[in-house]
N, C-alpha and C. Protein backbone atom coordinates (compact mmCIF):
# COMPACT_ATOMS: atom_id res chain seq x y z
N MET A 1 1.56 -36.43 7.57
CA MET A 1 1.90 -35.77 7.68
C MET A 1 2.51 -34.59 8.54
N ARG A 2 0.76 -34.46 9.30
CA ARG A 2 1.50 -33.58 10.89
C ARG A 2 2.90 -34.09 11.53
N THR A 3 3.23 -34.95 11.74
CA THR A 3 3.79 -35.67 12.44
C THR A 3 4.98 -34.63 11.81
N ALA A 4 5.61 -35.50 10.13
CA ALA A 4 6.66 -34.70 10.15
C ALA A 4 6.62 -33.01 10.59
N ILE A 5 6.02 -32.89 9.82
CA ILE A 5 5.26 -31.26 10.44
C ILE A 5 5.85 -30.94 11.61
N LEU A 6 5.98 -31.65 12.41
CA LEU A 6 6.33 -31.27 13.86
C LEU A 6 7.79 -32.05 14.44
N ALA A 7 7.34 -32.62 13.59
CA ALA A 7 9.46 -33.20 13.48
C ALA A 7 9.68 -31.93 13.24
N ALA A 8 9.97 -31.88 12.16
CA ALA A 8 11.66 -30.74 11.43
C ALA A 8 11.39 -29.52 12.01
N GLY A 9 9.79 -28.95 12.27
CA GLY A 9 9.83 -27.78 13.03
C GLY A 9 10.64 -27.23 13.42
N PRO A 10 11.26 -27.69 14.39
CA PRO A 10 12.48 -27.40 15.54
C PRO A 10 13.76 -26.78 14.53
N GLU A 11 14.22 -27.82 13.80
CA GLU A 11 15.09 -27.66 13.07
C GLU A 11 15.04 -26.32 11.85
N ALA A 12 13.95 -26.24 11.11
CA ALA A 12 14.06 -25.29 10.45
C ALA A 12 13.72 -24.40 10.72
N VAL A 13 13.09 -23.65 12.06
CA VAL A 13 13.29 -22.50 12.89
C VAL A 13 14.66 -22.03 12.97
N ARG A 14 15.59 -23.01 13.51
CA ARG A 14 16.92 -23.28 13.67
C ARG A 14 17.95 -22.84 12.49
N ARG A 15 17.21 -24.04 11.70
CA ARG A 15 18.60 -22.83 10.74
C ARG A 15 17.71 -21.88 10.13
N ARG A 16 16.73 -21.11 9.66
CA ARG A 16 16.66 -20.01 9.11
C ARG A 16 17.36 -18.47 10.04
N GLU A 17 16.72 -19.26 11.48
CA GLU A 17 17.96 -18.37 12.13
C GLU A 17 19.32 -18.11 12.28
N GLU A 18 19.86 -19.51 11.80
CA GLU A 18 21.23 -18.85 11.90
C GLU A 18 21.57 -18.74 10.71
N GLU A 19 21.00 -19.11 9.09
CA GLU A 19 21.28 -18.47 7.83
C GLU A 19 20.03 -17.51 7.12
N THR A 20 19.67 -16.97 8.31
CA THR A 20 19.44 -15.27 7.52
C THR A 20 19.44 -14.51 8.76
N VAL A 21 18.84 -13.41 8.57
CA VAL A 21 18.85 -12.25 9.23
C VAL A 21 17.40 -12.30 10.68
N VAL A 22 16.46 -13.28 9.52
CA VAL A 22 15.30 -13.41 10.71
C VAL A 22 15.66 -14.05 11.74
N GLN A 23 14.72 -13.14 12.74
CA GLN A 23 15.18 -13.82 14.44
C GLN A 23 13.72 -14.18 14.54
N PHE A 24 13.00 -15.41 15.30
CA PHE A 24 11.83 -15.69 15.87
C PHE A 24 12.12 -15.10 17.85
N ARG A 25 10.62 -15.11 17.79
CA ARG A 25 10.27 -15.37 19.96
C ARG A 25 8.52 -15.93 19.40
N ALA A 26 9.16 -16.67 20.93
CA ALA A 26 7.87 -17.36 21.57
C ALA A 26 6.40 -16.02 21.27
N ARG A 27 5.62 -16.04 21.30
CA ARG A 27 4.33 -15.12 21.78
C ARG A 27 3.81 -15.93 23.03
N ARG A 28 4.17 -15.62 24.17
CA ARG A 28 3.42 -15.74 25.64
C ARG A 28 2.21 -16.43 25.55
N PHE A 29 1.95 -14.88 25.45
CA PHE A 29 0.32 -15.47 25.56
C PHE A 29 -0.76 -15.20 24.37
N HIS A 30 -0.32 -16.23 23.75
CA HIS A 30 -1.39 -15.98 22.28
C HIS A 30 -1.64 -17.77 22.16
N PRO A 31 -2.53 -17.87 22.66
CA PRO A 31 -3.36 -20.15 22.63
C PRO A 31 -3.10 -19.77 21.47
N ASP A 32 -3.19 -21.45 21.42
CA ASP A 32 -3.41 -22.33 20.39
C ASP A 32 -4.98 -21.89 19.64
N TYR A 33 -5.07 -22.07 18.32
CA TYR A 33 -6.15 -21.75 17.42
C TYR A 33 -6.66 -22.10 17.59
N LEU A 34 -6.83 -23.80 17.84
CA LEU A 34 -8.01 -25.02 18.73
C LEU A 34 -7.61 -25.14 19.70
N PHE A 35 -8.33 -23.64 20.28
CA PHE A 35 -7.92 -23.89 22.38
C PHE A 35 -8.66 -24.44 22.99
N GLU A 36 -9.89 -25.45 22.10
CA GLU A 36 -10.84 -26.29 23.34
C GLU A 36 -9.96 -27.73 22.98
N SER A 37 -9.36 -28.25 22.24
CA SER A 37 -8.78 -29.99 21.43
C SER A 37 -7.79 -29.67 22.56
N GLU A 38 -7.98 -31.08 23.25
CA GLU A 38 -7.21 -32.18 24.29
C GLU A 38 -5.08 -31.52 23.99
N GLY A 39 -5.09 -31.37 25.34
CA GLY A 39 -3.61 -30.61 24.98
C GLY A 39 -2.90 -29.09 24.50
N SER A 40 -4.06 -28.27 23.79
CA SER A 40 -3.83 -26.96 23.84
C SER A 40 -3.01 -26.29 25.01
N THR A 41 -3.20 -25.15 24.87
CA THR A 41 -2.01 -24.18 25.89
C THR A 41 -2.24 -23.26 25.35
N ALA A 42 -2.46 -21.95 26.18
CA ALA A 42 -3.34 -20.86 25.81
C ALA A 42 -1.32 -20.03 26.18
N GLY A 43 -0.58 -20.51 25.27
CA GLY A 43 0.58 -19.89 25.08
C GLY A 43 1.85 -20.16 24.93
N GLY A 44 2.80 -19.73 24.08
CA GLY A 44 4.03 -20.65 24.31
C GLY A 44 4.19 -20.72 22.65
N ARG A 45 3.59 -21.10 22.04
CA ARG A 45 4.04 -21.83 21.34
C ARG A 45 3.64 -21.49 19.70
N ALA A 46 3.30 -20.05 19.45
CA ALA A 46 3.15 -19.89 18.58
C ALA A 46 4.21 -19.18 18.21
N LEU A 47 4.85 -18.78 17.13
CA LEU A 47 5.96 -18.13 16.66
C LEU A 47 5.45 -16.49 16.42
N GLU A 48 6.35 -15.21 16.43
CA GLU A 48 6.47 -14.80 15.64
C GLU A 48 8.04 -14.00 14.97
N ALA A 49 8.33 -13.31 14.29
CA ALA A 49 9.59 -13.35 13.10
C ALA A 49 10.05 -12.06 14.10
N GLN A 50 10.98 -11.74 14.48
CA GLN A 50 11.12 -10.12 15.57
C GLN A 50 11.20 -9.27 14.21
N SER A 51 11.26 -8.02 14.60
CA SER A 51 11.53 -7.33 13.83
C SER A 51 12.72 -6.84 13.20
N PHE A 52 12.79 -6.41 11.70
CA PHE A 52 14.04 -6.50 11.56
C PHE A 52 13.92 -5.47 10.00
N ASP A 53 15.33 -4.29 9.06
CA ASP A 53 15.40 -4.44 8.33
C ASP A 53 15.32 -4.82 7.54
N GLY A 54 14.99 -4.31 6.88
CA GLY A 54 14.19 -4.77 5.27
C GLY A 54 15.00 -5.05 4.33
N ASP A 55 16.11 -4.25 4.42
CA ASP A 55 17.31 -3.91 3.58
C ASP A 55 18.49 -4.33 3.61
N LEU A 56 18.37 -5.78 4.66
CA LEU A 56 19.20 -6.36 4.72
C LEU A 56 18.77 -7.61 4.24
N LEU A 57 17.36 -7.92 3.30
CA LEU A 57 17.54 -8.94 2.92
C LEU A 57 18.51 -9.13 0.87
N GLY A 58 18.29 -7.32 0.57
CA GLY A 58 18.97 -7.71 -0.68
C GLY A 58 18.17 -7.60 -1.78
N ALA A 59 18.22 -7.86 -2.68
CA ALA A 59 17.93 -8.01 -4.06
C ALA A 59 15.86 -10.11 -3.50
N ALA A 60 16.66 -10.50 -2.23
CA ALA A 60 15.29 -10.86 -2.05
C ALA A 60 14.25 -10.24 -1.35
N LEU A 61 13.88 -9.02 -1.50
CA LEU A 61 13.02 -8.16 -0.19
C LEU A 61 11.77 -8.15 -1.46
N ARG A 62 11.97 -8.24 -2.01
CA ARG A 62 10.81 -8.35 -3.31
C ARG A 62 10.08 -9.35 -3.31
N LEU A 63 10.52 -10.72 -2.63
CA LEU A 63 9.32 -11.69 -2.69
C LEU A 63 8.70 -12.45 -1.07
N VAL A 64 8.74 -10.15 -0.19
CA VAL A 64 8.61 -10.88 0.41
C VAL A 64 7.03 -10.09 -0.03
N ARG A 65 5.50 -11.20 0.94
CA ARG A 65 4.59 -10.17 0.15
C ARG A 65 3.81 -8.84 1.27
N PRO A 66 3.29 -8.59 1.04
CA PRO A 66 2.55 -7.64 1.91
C PRO A 66 2.47 -7.90 3.09
N PRO A 67 2.15 -6.78 4.23
CA PRO A 67 1.44 -7.94 5.55
C PRO A 67 -0.15 -7.92 5.07
N VAL A 68 -0.34 -8.52 6.19
CA VAL A 68 -1.37 -8.61 6.06
C VAL A 68 -2.86 -7.46 6.65
N PRO A 69 -3.30 -7.49 5.94
CA PRO A 69 -3.91 -5.52 6.57
C PRO A 69 -4.50 -5.62 7.60
N GLU A 70 -5.16 -6.88 8.02
CA GLU A 70 -5.57 -6.50 9.84
C GLU A 70 -4.96 -6.36 10.36
N PHE A 71 -3.56 -6.80 10.10
CA PHE A 71 -2.15 -6.59 11.34
C PHE A 71 -1.67 -4.57 10.68
N THR A 72 -1.83 -4.22 10.28
CA THR A 72 -1.68 -3.15 9.69
C THR A 72 -2.62 -1.39 10.12
N ALA A 73 -1.63 -0.24 10.20
CA ALA A 73 -2.29 0.58 10.61
C ALA A 73 -1.97 1.87 9.83
N PHE A 74 -2.43 2.29 10.21
CA PHE A 74 -2.81 4.03 8.88
C PHE A 74 -2.02 4.12 7.78
N GLY A 75 -2.52 3.30 6.72
CA GLY A 75 -2.85 2.09 5.77
C GLY A 75 -1.78 1.78 5.25
N GLY A 76 -1.11 1.22 6.28
CA GLY A 76 0.37 0.45 5.70
C GLY A 76 1.43 -0.25 6.63
N MET A 77 1.21 0.86 7.83
CA MET A 77 1.93 0.52 9.09
C MET A 77 2.03 -0.86 9.63
N MET A 78 2.83 -1.66 9.34
CA MET A 78 3.40 -3.14 9.99
C MET A 78 3.09 -2.19 11.71
N VAL A 79 2.29 -3.58 12.36
CA VAL A 79 2.38 -3.69 13.89
C VAL A 79 2.03 -4.39 14.68
N ASP A 80 3.30 -4.76 14.82
CA ASP A 80 2.80 -5.94 16.11
C ASP A 80 1.93 -6.62 17.10
N ARG A 81 2.17 -7.28 17.83
CA ARG A 81 0.89 -7.54 19.90
C ARG A 81 1.85 -6.29 20.40
N ASP A 82 2.59 -6.42 20.44
CA ASP A 82 3.12 -6.14 21.22
C ASP A 82 2.64 -3.62 20.58
N ASP A 83 2.78 -3.79 19.70
CA ASP A 83 2.30 -2.37 19.56
C ASP A 83 0.72 -2.35 19.42
N ILE A 84 -0.02 -3.27 19.40
CA ILE A 84 -1.57 -2.96 19.71
C ILE A 84 -1.83 -2.29 21.18
N GLY A 85 -1.46 -2.60 21.86
CA GLY A 85 -1.89 -2.02 23.44
C GLY A 85 -1.51 -0.27 23.27
N HIS A 86 -0.12 0.01 23.14
CA HIS A 86 -0.21 1.09 22.62
C HIS A 86 -0.67 2.50 22.23
N LEU A 87 -1.35 1.55 20.46
CA LEU A 87 -1.94 2.15 19.55
C LEU A 87 -3.45 2.15 20.40
N LEU A 88 -3.96 1.66 20.97
CA LEU A 88 -5.22 1.56 21.56
C LEU A 88 -5.48 3.02 22.63
N GLY A 89 -4.28 2.97 23.28
CA GLY A 89 -4.34 3.57 23.94
C GLY A 89 -4.10 5.45 23.87
N ILE A 90 -4.02 5.49 22.26
CA ILE A 90 -2.96 7.39 22.28
C ILE A 90 -4.70 8.12 22.25
N ALA A 91 -5.96 7.33 22.14
CA ALA A 91 -7.07 8.32 21.88
C ALA A 91 -7.23 8.38 23.15
N LYS A 92 -6.94 7.69 24.70
CA LYS A 92 -7.12 8.27 25.63
C LYS A 92 -5.92 9.40 26.07
N ARG A 93 -4.93 8.68 25.61
CA ARG A 93 -3.92 9.89 26.04
C ARG A 93 -4.01 11.37 24.87
N PHE A 94 -4.81 11.23 23.96
CA PHE A 94 -4.95 12.89 23.33
C PHE A 94 -5.83 13.47 23.10
N CYS A 95 -6.67 12.58 23.57
CA CYS A 95 -8.47 13.66 23.13
C CYS A 95 -8.25 14.05 24.75
N LEU A 96 -9.15 15.62 24.46
CA LEU A 96 -10.27 16.01 25.20
C LEU A 96 -11.07 15.80 25.38
N SER A 97 -11.44 14.58 26.31
CA SER A 97 -12.98 14.72 26.10
C SER A 97 -13.38 15.20 27.55
C-alpha cells in the first residue's frame, strides 16, 4: 500500500493543482515525521496548501473541515508556518516592558 501511495502521490498533487484552485508548496524546513528513520530528510517533502479565496470553491466550501485548533489564533483565524514567527514577535514589538 505504501508503494502504491508513493507512486500515485505526484500525479494526485498534479491533478489537484490542474483541476482545482488549490495549489501546493513544499515546506523547505519541515522535517519528516520519522526523522530518525534511514533516508529521512530535514525538509522539502512536506506539502502545504497555499492560501486561496474559499469562495472560489462555491458550494463545495461546505465540505471543507474546520482548521485544526493548533493552527489557529485568536479564536479561529487560520495561520500558516510563515505567520508563526510574525505572531510570536508581536509581544516584543508592542509590549512596554
